[in-house]
Amino acid sequence: MPFAVERIDHLVLRVRDLQASIDFYQAVLGCCVAKRRDDLGLIHLRAGASMIDLISVDGVLGSAVVARHKRMRATSIMCACV
């Protein structure tokens, strides 16, 4: 194996309901909101040493990305960095 993964730095997920997603990750994984960018529809959640970024599909970032991802037939996982 050319490298060994030490940890996941962050995941970026597009979601339909920001508040329901925040509630889920707080209840299930014990995440906390590290930063909010309501103007962009972006929430940064702290998950231990990692981050989970939630982007609303109908927010500024999400709506710009949705059209591009539909053309590419991409999934809702926008980014995973290890």
N, C-alpha and C. Protein backbone atom coordinates (compact mmCIF):
# COMPACT_ATOMS: atom_id res chain seq x y z
N MET A 1 0.84 -1.18 0.00
CA MET A 1 0.00 0.00 0.00
C MET A 1 0.89 1.24 0.00
N PRO A 2 0.63 2.20 -0.90
CA PRO A 2 1.51 3.37 -1.01
C PRO A 2 1.39 4.36 0.15
N PHE A 3 0.27 4.36 0.87
CA PHE A 3 0.12 5.26 2.02
C PHE A 3 -0.88 4.66 2.99
N ALA A 4 -0.87 5.15 4.21
CA ALA A 4 -1.81 4.70 5.24
C ALA A 4 -2.66 5.88 5.67
N VAL A 5 -3.95 5.72 5.65
CA VAL A 5 -4.85 6.79 6.07
C VAL A 5 -4.78 6.93 7.59
N GLU A 6 -4.51 8.14 8.05
CA GLU A 6 -4.47 8.42 9.48
C GLU A 6 -5.83 8.86 10.00
N ARG A 7 -6.53 9.67 9.23
CA ARG A 7 -7.85 10.15 9.63
C ARG A 7 -8.51 10.80 8.43
N ILE A 8 -9.79 11.02 8.55
CA ILE A 8 -10.52 11.78 7.55
C ILE A 8 -10.50 13.24 8.00
N ASP A 9 -10.06 14.11 7.14
CA ASP A 9 -10.02 15.54 7.47
C ASP A 9 -11.43 16.12 7.46
N HIS A 10 -12.13 15.98 6.33
CA HIS A 10 -13.49 16.48 6.26
C HIS A 10 -14.28 15.82 5.15
N LEU A 11 -15.59 15.85 5.33
CA LEU A 11 -16.55 15.42 4.32
C LEU A 11 -17.44 16.61 4.01
N VAL A 12 -17.84 16.73 2.76
CA VAL A 12 -18.79 17.75 2.38
C VAL A 12 -20.01 17.04 1.80
N LEU A 13 -21.16 17.27 2.43
CA LEU A 13 -22.39 16.60 2.02
C LEU A 13 -23.45 17.63 1.63
N ARG A 14 -24.13 17.38 0.52
CA ARG A 14 -25.29 18.20 0.15
C ARG A 14 -26.51 17.60 0.83
N VAL A 15 -27.31 18.44 1.44
CA VAL A 15 -28.49 17.95 2.16
C VAL A 15 -29.72 18.77 1.80
N ARG A 16 -30.88 18.16 1.92
CA ARG A 16 -32.15 18.85 1.62
C ARG A 16 -32.63 19.68 2.80
N ASP A 17 -32.34 19.23 4.01
CA ASP A 17 -32.85 19.90 5.22
C ASP A 17 -31.69 20.09 6.19
N LEU A 18 -31.16 21.31 6.23
CA LEU A 18 -30.00 21.59 7.09
C LEU A 18 -30.29 21.28 8.56
N GLN A 19 -31.41 21.76 9.07
CA GLN A 19 -31.67 21.58 10.50
C GLN A 19 -31.85 20.11 10.85
N ALA A 20 -32.56 19.35 10.02
CA ALA A 20 -32.73 17.92 10.29
C ALA A 20 -31.38 17.22 10.25
N SER A 21 -30.50 17.64 9.34
CA SER A 21 -29.17 17.03 9.23
C SER A 21 -28.31 17.39 10.45
N ILE A 22 -28.38 18.64 10.87
CA ILE A 22 -27.66 19.05 12.08
C ILE A 22 -28.14 18.22 13.26
N ASP A 23 -29.45 18.13 13.43
CA ASP A 23 -30.03 17.36 14.54
C ASP A 23 -29.56 15.91 14.50
N PHE A 24 -29.54 15.31 13.32
CA PHE A 24 -29.11 13.92 13.16
C PHE A 24 -27.66 13.73 13.59
N TYR A 25 -26.76 14.54 13.04
CA TYR A 25 -25.34 14.38 13.36
C TYR A 25 -25.03 14.73 14.81
N GLN A 26 -25.78 15.65 15.40
CA GLN A 26 -25.58 15.94 16.82
C GLN A 26 -26.05 14.77 17.68
N ALA A 27 -27.21 14.21 17.35
CA ALA A 27 -27.77 13.11 18.16
C ALA A 27 -27.01 11.81 17.97
N VAL A 28 -26.66 11.48 16.75
CA VAL A 28 -26.06 10.17 16.45
C VAL A 28 -24.55 10.15 16.66
N LEU A 29 -23.86 11.19 16.20
CA LEU A 29 -22.39 11.21 16.29
C LEU A 29 -21.86 12.15 17.37
N GLY A 30 -22.73 12.91 17.99
CA GLY A 30 -22.28 13.85 19.02
C GLY A 30 -21.55 15.06 18.46
N CYS A 31 -21.81 15.39 17.20
CA CYS A 31 -21.18 16.55 16.57
C CYS A 31 -21.69 17.84 17.18
N CYS A 32 -20.89 18.89 17.03
CA CYS A 32 -21.36 20.21 17.43
C CYS A 32 -21.11 21.17 16.27
N VAL A 33 -21.93 22.21 16.21
CA VAL A 33 -21.77 23.21 15.16
C VAL A 33 -20.53 24.04 15.47
N ALA A 34 -19.55 23.99 14.56
CA ALA A 34 -18.31 24.75 14.74
C ALA A 34 -18.43 26.14 14.12
N LYS A 35 -19.17 26.23 13.01
CA LYS A 35 -19.32 27.50 12.32
C LYS A 35 -20.54 27.43 11.42
N ARG A 36 -21.24 28.54 11.30
CA ARG A 36 -22.41 28.65 10.40
C ARG A 36 -22.12 29.71 9.37
N ARG A 37 -22.48 29.41 8.13
CA ARG A 37 -22.46 30.41 7.05
C ARG A 37 -23.85 30.39 6.43
N ASP A 38 -24.81 30.94 7.15
CA ASP A 38 -26.20 30.92 6.69
C ASP A 38 -26.36 31.62 5.35
N ASP A 39 -25.50 32.62 5.08
CA ASP A 39 -25.57 33.32 3.80
C ASP A 39 -25.23 32.40 2.62
N LEU A 40 -24.49 31.33 2.89
CA LEU A 40 -24.12 30.36 1.85
C LEU A 40 -24.89 29.05 1.95
N GLY A 41 -25.64 28.87 3.04
CA GLY A 41 -26.31 27.59 3.26
C GLY A 41 -25.30 26.52 3.65
N LEU A 42 -24.32 26.88 4.49
CA LEU A 42 -23.21 26.01 4.85
C LEU A 42 -23.07 25.92 6.37
N ILE A 43 -22.98 24.70 6.87
CA ILE A 43 -22.78 24.45 8.30
C ILE A 43 -21.55 23.57 8.46
N HIS A 44 -20.62 23.97 9.32
CA HIS A 44 -19.44 23.17 9.63
C HIS A 44 -19.69 22.47 10.97
N LEU A 45 -19.68 21.15 10.97
CA LEU A 45 -19.85 20.37 12.19
C LEU A 45 -18.52 19.78 12.61
N ARG A 46 -18.22 19.84 13.89
CA ARG A 46 -17.02 19.21 14.44
C ARG A 46 -17.38 17.77 14.79
N ALA A 47 -16.60 16.82 14.26
CA ALA A 47 -16.79 15.39 14.53
C ALA A 47 -15.45 14.84 15.02
N GLY A 48 -15.17 15.03 16.30
CA GLY A 48 -13.86 14.64 16.83
C GLY A 48 -12.80 15.52 16.19
N ALA A 49 -11.78 14.89 15.59
CA ALA A 49 -10.71 15.63 14.92
C ALA A 49 -11.08 15.98 13.49
N SER A 50 -12.26 15.55 13.05
CA SER A 50 -12.70 15.75 11.66
C SER A 50 -13.83 16.77 11.59
N MET A 51 -14.14 17.17 10.36
CA MET A 51 -15.24 18.09 10.12
C MET A 51 -16.22 17.45 9.14
N ILE A 52 -17.49 17.75 9.32
CA ILE A 52 -18.53 17.41 8.36
C ILE A 52 -19.16 18.72 7.94
N ASP A 53 -19.05 19.05 6.67
CA ASP A 53 -19.65 20.27 6.14
C ASP A 53 -20.97 19.90 5.47
N LEU A 54 -22.03 20.56 5.88
CA LEU A 54 -23.35 20.35 5.31
C LEU A 54 -23.70 21.55 4.43
N ILE A 55 -24.06 21.27 3.19
CA ILE A 55 -24.43 22.33 2.25
C ILE A 55 -25.86 22.10 1.82
N SER A 56 -26.71 23.09 2.04
CA SER A 56 -28.11 23.00 1.64
C SER A 56 -28.21 23.00 0.11
N VAL A 57 -28.97 22.05 -0.44
CA VAL A 57 -29.11 21.97 -1.90
C VAL A 57 -29.76 23.22 -2.48
N ASP A 58 -30.54 23.94 -1.66
CA ASP A 58 -31.17 25.14 -2.18
C ASP A 58 -30.51 26.44 -1.71
N GLY A 59 -29.34 26.32 -1.08
CA GLY A 59 -28.57 27.49 -0.68
C GLY A 59 -27.70 27.99 -1.82
N VAL A 60 -26.96 29.05 -1.59
CA VAL A 60 -26.10 29.65 -2.61
C VAL A 60 -25.11 28.63 -3.16
N LEU A 61 -24.38 27.95 -2.28
CA LEU A 61 -23.40 26.96 -2.74
C LEU A 61 -24.08 25.75 -3.35
N GLY A 62 -25.08 25.25 -2.66
CA GLY A 62 -25.75 24.03 -3.10
C GLY A 62 -26.41 24.16 -4.45
N SER A 63 -27.10 25.26 -4.70
CA SER A 63 -27.80 25.40 -5.97
C SER A 63 -26.81 25.54 -7.12
N ALA A 64 -25.66 26.15 -6.89
CA ALA A 64 -24.65 26.25 -7.94
C ALA A 64 -24.04 24.88 -8.24
N VAL A 65 -23.88 24.08 -7.21
CA VAL A 65 -23.26 22.77 -7.36
C VAL A 65 -24.23 21.75 -7.94
N VAL A 66 -25.51 21.87 -7.61
CA VAL A 66 -26.50 20.88 -8.06
C VAL A 66 -26.51 20.76 -9.57
N ALA A 67 -26.55 21.87 -10.27
CA ALA A 67 -26.59 21.82 -11.74
C ALA A 67 -25.34 21.15 -12.29
N ARG A 68 -24.19 21.48 -11.75
CA ARG A 68 -22.94 20.88 -12.23
C ARG A 68 -22.91 19.39 -11.92
N HIS A 69 -23.33 18.99 -10.74
CA HIS A 69 -23.31 17.58 -10.36
C HIS A 69 -24.33 16.76 -11.15
N LYS A 70 -25.46 17.37 -11.51
CA LYS A 70 -26.43 16.66 -12.34
C LYS A 70 -25.81 16.35 -13.70
N ARG A 71 -25.10 17.31 -14.26
CA ARG A 71 -24.43 17.07 -15.55
C ARG A 71 -23.38 15.97 -15.43
N MET A 72 -22.71 15.91 -14.28
CA MET A 72 -21.65 14.92 -14.08
C MET A 72 -22.19 13.61 -13.52
N ARG A 73 -23.49 13.60 -13.14
CA ARG A 73 -24.11 12.44 -12.49
C ARG A 73 -23.37 12.08 -11.20
N ALA A 74 -23.02 13.11 -10.43
CA ALA A 74 -22.28 12.92 -9.19
C ALA A 74 -23.23 12.58 -8.06
N THR A 75 -22.68 12.06 -6.98
CA THR A 75 -23.45 11.73 -5.79
C THR A 75 -23.56 12.95 -4.89
N SER A 76 -24.21 12.78 -3.74
CA SER A 76 -24.35 13.88 -2.80
C SER A 76 -23.08 14.12 -1.99
N ILE A 77 -22.14 13.21 -2.03
CA ILE A 77 -20.86 13.48 -1.38
C ILE A 77 -20.04 14.33 -2.32
N MET A 78 -19.78 15.55 -1.90
CA MET A 78 -19.07 16.48 -2.77
C MET A 78 -17.56 16.34 -2.62
N CYS A 79 -17.12 16.02 -1.41
CA CYS A 79 -15.69 16.04 -1.15
C CYS A 79 -15.40 15.16 0.06
N ALA A 80 -14.35 14.37 -0.03
CA ALA A 80 -13.87 13.59 1.12
C ALA A 80 -12.35 13.70 1.11
N CYS A 81 -11.78 14.25 2.16
CA CYS A 81 -10.34 14.46 2.24
C CYS A 81 -9.75 13.63 3.38
N VAL A 82 -8.76 12.83 3.06
CA VAL A 82 -8.10 11.98 4.07
C VAL A 82 -6.69 12.44 4.29
